[in-house]
Amino acid sequence: MHKVYENFDLSRVGRMQSLLESNGIATFVKNLYSSGALGEIPFVEICPQLYVLQAGDVERALELLQVDLPKANRASDWVCPECGIDIEGQFENCWKCGMHRDEE
């Protein structure tokens, strides 16, 4: 088994597991039911972890996960030219008037 992903959000780990399994990659999730032990053992020891069962599938699994992982926010904050509202960089549309960032 080879660990390819871990996240404290179990639903996120489940989503990644579904992605890999739908592409024919056999997986296993470790620490699936360990949240009940929180407080008894260190929290980093109970983080849900996604493993690929076959060594030959690791490279393909990592490629699939990279496509689905959220991209880092590289965009800077901007001001809507239509209504003058400050908008955080990760948003492409103004929350007030709906103007798209590229429509400047």
N, C-alpha and C. Protein backbone atom coordinates (compact mmCIF):
# COMPACT_ATOMS: atom_id res chain seq x y z
N MET A 1 0.85 -1.18 0.00
CA MET A 1 0.00 0.00 0.00
C MET A 1 0.89 1.24 0.00
N HIS A 2 0.41 2.27 -0.72
CA HIS A 2 1.16 3.51 -0.84
C HIS A 2 0.23 4.68 -0.57
N LYS A 3 0.56 5.50 0.43
CA LYS A 3 -0.28 6.65 0.77
C LYS A 3 -0.16 7.70 -0.32
N VAL A 4 -1.31 8.18 -0.82
CA VAL A 4 -1.31 9.19 -1.87
C VAL A 4 -2.02 10.47 -1.46
N TYR A 5 -2.78 10.42 -0.34
CA TYR A 5 -3.55 11.61 0.05
C TYR A 5 -3.98 11.48 1.49
N GLU A 6 -4.03 12.61 2.20
CA GLU A 6 -4.61 12.65 3.54
C GLU A 6 -5.22 14.02 3.77
N ASN A 7 -6.28 14.03 4.55
CA ASN A 7 -6.98 15.27 4.84
C ASN A 7 -7.85 15.03 6.07
N PHE A 8 -7.96 16.02 6.94
CA PHE A 8 -8.81 15.86 8.13
C PHE A 8 -10.29 15.84 7.77
N ASP A 9 -10.63 16.29 6.57
CA ASP A 9 -12.02 16.27 6.10
C ASP A 9 -12.29 14.91 5.45
N LEU A 10 -13.01 14.05 6.17
CA LEU A 10 -13.27 12.70 5.68
C LEU A 10 -14.04 12.71 4.37
N SER A 11 -14.93 13.67 4.18
CA SER A 11 -15.68 13.73 2.93
C SER A 11 -14.76 14.02 1.74
N ARG A 12 -13.73 14.81 1.97
CA ARG A 12 -12.76 15.11 0.91
C ARG A 12 -11.97 13.85 0.54
N VAL A 13 -11.57 13.10 1.57
CA VAL A 13 -10.86 11.85 1.33
C VAL A 13 -11.75 10.88 0.56
N GLY A 14 -13.03 10.82 0.94
CA GLY A 14 -13.98 9.96 0.24
C GLY A 14 -14.15 10.36 -1.21
N ARG A 15 -14.15 11.67 -1.45
CA ARG A 15 -14.27 12.15 -2.84
C ARG A 15 -13.07 11.72 -3.67
N MET A 16 -11.89 11.83 -3.08
CA MET A 16 -10.68 11.43 -3.79
C MET A 16 -10.66 9.91 -4.00
N GLN A 17 -11.15 9.16 -3.02
CA GLN A 17 -11.23 7.71 -3.17
C GLN A 17 -12.16 7.36 -4.32
N SER A 18 -13.30 8.02 -4.41
CA SER A 18 -14.24 7.76 -5.50
C SER A 18 -13.63 8.09 -6.85
N LEU A 19 -12.88 9.18 -6.91
CA LEU A 19 -12.21 9.56 -8.15
C LEU A 19 -11.26 8.45 -8.61
N LEU A 20 -10.45 7.95 -7.69
CA LEU A 20 -9.49 6.92 -8.07
C LEU A 20 -10.19 5.61 -8.42
N GLU A 21 -11.17 5.22 -7.61
CA GLU A 21 -11.86 3.95 -7.87
C GLU A 21 -12.62 3.99 -9.19
N SER A 22 -13.18 5.14 -9.55
CA SER A 22 -13.89 5.25 -10.82
C SER A 22 -12.95 5.17 -12.01
N ASN A 23 -11.66 5.34 -11.75
CA ASN A 23 -10.65 5.20 -12.80
C ASN A 23 -9.91 3.87 -12.71
N GLY A 24 -10.51 2.92 -11.99
CA GLY A 24 -9.96 1.58 -11.94
C GLY A 24 -8.80 1.37 -10.99
N ILE A 25 -8.60 2.27 -10.04
CA ILE A 25 -7.49 2.16 -9.09
C ILE A 25 -8.04 1.69 -7.75
N ALA A 26 -7.57 0.53 -7.29
CA ALA A 26 -8.02 -0.02 -6.01
C ALA A 26 -7.42 0.80 -4.86
N THR A 27 -8.25 1.14 -3.87
CA THR A 27 -7.81 2.00 -2.77
C THR A 27 -8.22 1.43 -1.42
N PHE A 28 -7.68 2.04 -0.37
CA PHE A 28 -8.02 1.72 1.00
C PHE A 28 -7.91 3.01 1.80
N VAL A 29 -8.88 3.27 2.68
CA VAL A 29 -8.82 4.44 3.55
C VAL A 29 -8.48 3.99 4.96
N LYS A 30 -7.39 4.50 5.48
CA LYS A 30 -6.96 4.21 6.84
C LYS A 30 -7.51 5.30 7.76
N ASN A 31 -7.83 4.94 8.98
CA ASN A 31 -8.35 5.86 10.00
C ASN A 31 -9.76 6.35 9.66
N LEU A 32 -10.51 5.52 8.99
CA LEU A 32 -11.86 5.88 8.59
C LEU A 32 -12.77 6.12 9.78
N TYR A 33 -12.65 5.31 10.82
CA TYR A 33 -13.54 5.42 11.99
C TYR A 33 -12.79 5.80 13.26
N SER A 34 -11.67 6.46 13.14
CA SER A 34 -10.85 6.74 14.31
C SER A 34 -11.17 8.07 14.99
N SER A 35 -12.12 8.83 14.48
CA SER A 35 -12.42 10.12 15.08
C SER A 35 -12.91 9.98 16.52
N GLY A 36 -13.45 8.83 16.87
CA GLY A 36 -13.90 8.60 18.24
C GLY A 36 -12.75 8.56 19.24
N ALA A 37 -11.55 8.35 18.75
CA ALA A 37 -10.38 8.30 19.63
C ALA A 37 -9.76 9.67 19.83
N LEU A 38 -10.33 10.70 19.25
CA LEU A 38 -9.79 12.05 19.38
C LEU A 38 -9.75 12.43 20.85
N GLY A 39 -8.62 12.87 21.30
CA GLY A 39 -8.42 13.19 22.70
C GLY A 39 -7.65 12.10 23.42
N GLU A 40 -7.83 10.88 22.97
CA GLU A 40 -7.11 9.74 23.55
C GLU A 40 -5.72 9.62 22.92
N ILE A 41 -5.65 9.89 21.62
CA ILE A 41 -4.38 9.84 20.91
C ILE A 41 -4.22 11.15 20.13
N PRO A 42 -3.00 11.50 19.74
CA PRO A 42 -2.78 12.76 19.03
C PRO A 42 -3.62 12.84 17.75
N PHE A 43 -4.18 14.02 17.48
CA PHE A 43 -5.07 14.19 16.33
C PHE A 43 -4.39 13.88 15.00
N VAL A 44 -3.08 14.09 14.91
CA VAL A 44 -2.39 13.79 13.65
C VAL A 44 -2.33 12.29 13.38
N GLU A 45 -2.55 11.48 14.39
CA GLU A 45 -2.53 10.04 14.22
C GLU A 45 -3.85 9.48 13.70
N ILE A 46 -4.91 10.31 13.72
CA ILE A 46 -6.22 9.82 13.28
C ILE A 46 -6.69 10.47 11.98
N CYS A 47 -5.81 11.19 11.34
CA CYS A 47 -6.15 11.83 10.07
C CYS A 47 -6.47 10.76 9.02
N PRO A 48 -7.64 10.85 8.36
CA PRO A 48 -7.96 9.88 7.31
C PRO A 48 -6.91 9.93 6.18
N GLN A 49 -6.45 8.76 5.78
CA GLN A 49 -5.40 8.64 4.78
C GLN A 49 -5.87 7.71 3.67
N LEU A 50 -5.61 8.11 2.44
CA LEU A 50 -5.99 7.33 1.26
C LEU A 50 -4.76 6.62 0.70
N TYR A 51 -4.89 5.32 0.56
CA TYR A 51 -3.81 4.48 0.05
C TYR A 51 -4.21 3.84 -1.26
N VAL A 52 -3.23 3.66 -2.14
CA VAL A 52 -3.40 2.90 -3.38
C VAL A 52 -2.81 1.52 -3.11
N LEU A 53 -3.54 0.48 -3.49
CA LEU A 53 -3.11 -0.89 -3.16
C LEU A 53 -1.98 -1.41 -4.04
N GLN A 54 -1.94 -1.02 -5.30
CA GLN A 54 -0.93 -1.52 -6.23
C GLN A 54 0.12 -0.44 -6.52
N ALA A 55 1.38 -0.82 -6.39
CA ALA A 55 2.47 0.13 -6.63
C ALA A 55 2.42 0.70 -8.04
N GLY A 56 1.99 -0.07 -9.00
CA GLY A 56 1.93 0.39 -10.38
C GLY A 56 0.87 1.45 -10.63
N ASP A 57 -0.05 1.63 -9.69
CA ASP A 57 -1.11 2.63 -9.84
C ASP A 57 -0.79 3.97 -9.18
N VAL A 58 0.32 4.04 -8.46
CA VAL A 58 0.62 5.25 -7.68
C VAL A 58 0.78 6.47 -8.56
N GLU A 59 1.56 6.36 -9.62
CA GLU A 59 1.81 7.51 -10.49
C GLU A 59 0.52 8.04 -11.11
N ARG A 60 -0.30 7.16 -11.62
CA ARG A 60 -1.59 7.54 -12.22
C ARG A 60 -2.51 8.17 -11.16
N ALA A 61 -2.51 7.61 -9.96
CA ALA A 61 -3.34 8.14 -8.87
C ALA A 61 -2.93 9.57 -8.52
N LEU A 62 -1.64 9.80 -8.43
CA LEU A 62 -1.16 11.15 -8.11
C LEU A 62 -1.52 12.15 -9.21
N GLU A 63 -1.47 11.70 -10.46
CA GLU A 63 -1.87 12.57 -11.58
C GLU A 63 -3.34 12.94 -11.46
N LEU A 64 -4.18 11.96 -11.19
CA LEU A 64 -5.62 12.20 -11.07
C LEU A 64 -5.92 13.13 -9.90
N LEU A 65 -5.24 12.93 -8.79
CA LEU A 65 -5.46 13.77 -7.61
C LEU A 65 -5.03 15.21 -7.87
N GLN A 66 -3.93 15.41 -8.59
CA GLN A 66 -3.46 16.76 -8.88
C GLN A 66 -4.46 17.53 -9.73
N VAL A 67 -5.13 16.85 -10.63
CA VAL A 67 -6.14 17.50 -11.47
C VAL A 67 -7.32 17.95 -10.63
N ASP A 68 -7.68 17.16 -9.62
CA ASP A 68 -8.88 17.44 -8.83
C ASP A 68 -8.63 18.32 -7.61
N LEU A 69 -7.40 18.45 -7.17
CA LEU A 69 -7.12 19.27 -5.99
C LEU A 69 -7.34 20.73 -6.30
N PRO A 70 -7.81 21.51 -5.30
CA PRO A 70 -8.02 22.94 -5.54
C PRO A 70 -6.72 23.63 -5.91
N LYS A 71 -6.80 24.52 -6.84
CA LYS A 71 -5.62 25.27 -7.27
C LYS A 71 -5.35 26.40 -6.28
N ALA A 72 -4.09 26.72 -6.11
CA ALA A 72 -3.73 27.83 -5.23
C ALA A 72 -4.26 29.12 -5.82
N ASN A 73 -4.69 29.99 -4.95
CA ASN A 73 -5.24 31.27 -5.41
C ASN A 73 -4.08 32.20 -5.76
N ARG A 74 -3.84 32.37 -7.06
CA ARG A 74 -2.75 33.24 -7.51
C ARG A 74 -3.27 34.60 -7.94
N ALA A 75 -4.56 34.73 -8.06
CA ALA A 75 -5.14 35.99 -8.52
C ALA A 75 -5.14 37.01 -7.40
N SER A 76 -4.91 38.24 -7.76
CA SER A 76 -4.92 39.30 -6.76
C SER A 76 -6.34 39.85 -6.61
N ASP A 77 -6.56 40.51 -5.49
CA ASP A 77 -7.85 41.15 -5.27
C ASP A 77 -8.08 42.20 -6.35
N TRP A 78 -9.35 42.50 -6.62
CA TRP A 78 -9.66 43.45 -7.67
C TRP A 78 -10.86 44.29 -7.28
N VAL A 79 -11.04 45.38 -7.98
CA VAL A 79 -12.16 46.29 -7.75
C VAL A 79 -13.07 46.21 -8.98
N CYS A 80 -14.34 45.99 -8.74
CA CYS A 80 -15.29 45.91 -9.84
C CYS A 80 -15.39 47.29 -10.51
N PRO A 81 -15.13 47.36 -11.82
CA PRO A 81 -15.19 48.64 -12.51
C PRO A 81 -16.62 49.16 -12.66
N GLU A 82 -17.60 48.29 -12.52
CA GLU A 82 -19.00 48.68 -12.67
C GLU A 82 -19.55 49.36 -11.41
N CYS A 83 -19.30 48.73 -10.24
CA CYS A 83 -19.91 49.26 -9.01
C CYS A 83 -18.89 49.67 -7.95
N GLY A 84 -17.59 49.42 -8.17
CA GLY A 84 -16.56 49.88 -7.25
C GLY A 84 -16.36 49.04 -6.00
N ILE A 85 -16.95 47.87 -5.95
CA ILE A 85 -16.83 47.00 -4.78
C ILE A 85 -15.50 46.25 -4.83
N ASP A 86 -14.84 46.12 -3.66
CA ASP A 86 -13.62 45.33 -3.56
C ASP A 86 -13.99 43.85 -3.58
N ILE A 87 -13.30 43.06 -4.44
CA ILE A 87 -13.57 41.64 -4.60
C ILE A 87 -12.29 40.86 -4.33
N GLU A 88 -12.41 39.76 -3.57
CA GLU A 88 -11.25 38.91 -3.31
C GLU A 88 -10.82 38.21 -4.60
N GLY A 89 -9.53 37.93 -4.71
CA GLY A 89 -8.93 37.40 -5.93
C GLY A 89 -9.49 36.09 -6.43
N GLN A 90 -9.99 35.23 -5.53
CA GLN A 90 -10.46 33.92 -5.98
C GLN A 90 -11.80 34.01 -6.71
N PHE A 91 -12.46 35.16 -6.65
CA PHE A 91 -13.75 35.31 -7.30
C PHE A 91 -13.60 35.94 -8.68
N GLU A 92 -14.32 35.38 -9.65
CA GLU A 92 -14.27 35.87 -11.02
C GLU A 92 -15.40 36.84 -11.31
N ASN A 93 -16.45 36.83 -10.49
CA ASN A 93 -17.60 37.71 -10.70
C ASN A 93 -17.83 38.59 -9.47
N CYS A 94 -18.31 39.78 -9.71
CA CYS A 94 -18.67 40.69 -8.63
C CYS A 94 -19.90 40.14 -7.91
N TRP A 95 -19.85 40.13 -6.59
CA TRP A 95 -20.97 39.60 -5.82
C TRP A 95 -22.16 40.56 -5.82
N LYS A 96 -21.93 41.83 -6.14
CA LYS A 96 -23.02 42.81 -6.10
C LYS A 96 -23.74 42.94 -7.45
N CYS A 97 -22.97 43.13 -8.52
CA CYS A 97 -23.61 43.38 -9.82
C CYS A 97 -23.45 42.21 -10.80
N GLY A 98 -22.58 41.25 -10.47
CA GLY A 98 -22.41 40.08 -11.33
C GLY A 98 -21.43 40.26 -12.47
N MET A 99 -20.80 41.41 -12.58
CA MET A 99 -19.86 41.64 -13.68
C MET A 99 -18.68 40.68 -13.58
N HIS A 100 -18.32 40.10 -14.71
CA HIS A 100 -17.20 39.17 -14.77
C HIS A 100 -15.90 39.95 -14.76
N ARG A 101 -14.90 39.40 -14.12
CA ARG A 101 -13.59 40.04 -13.98
C ARG A 101 -12.99 40.42 -15.33
N ASP A 102 -13.16 39.60 -16.35
CA ASP A 102 -12.57 39.86 -17.66
C ASP A 102 -13.32 40.92 -18.46
N GLU A 103 -14.45 41.39 -17.95
CA GLU A 103 -15.24 42.36 -18.69
C GLU A 103 -14.80 43.79 -18.43
N GLU A 104 -13.62 43.96 -17.83
CA GLU A 104 -13.15 45.31 -17.47
C GLU A 104 -13.01 46.18 -18.67
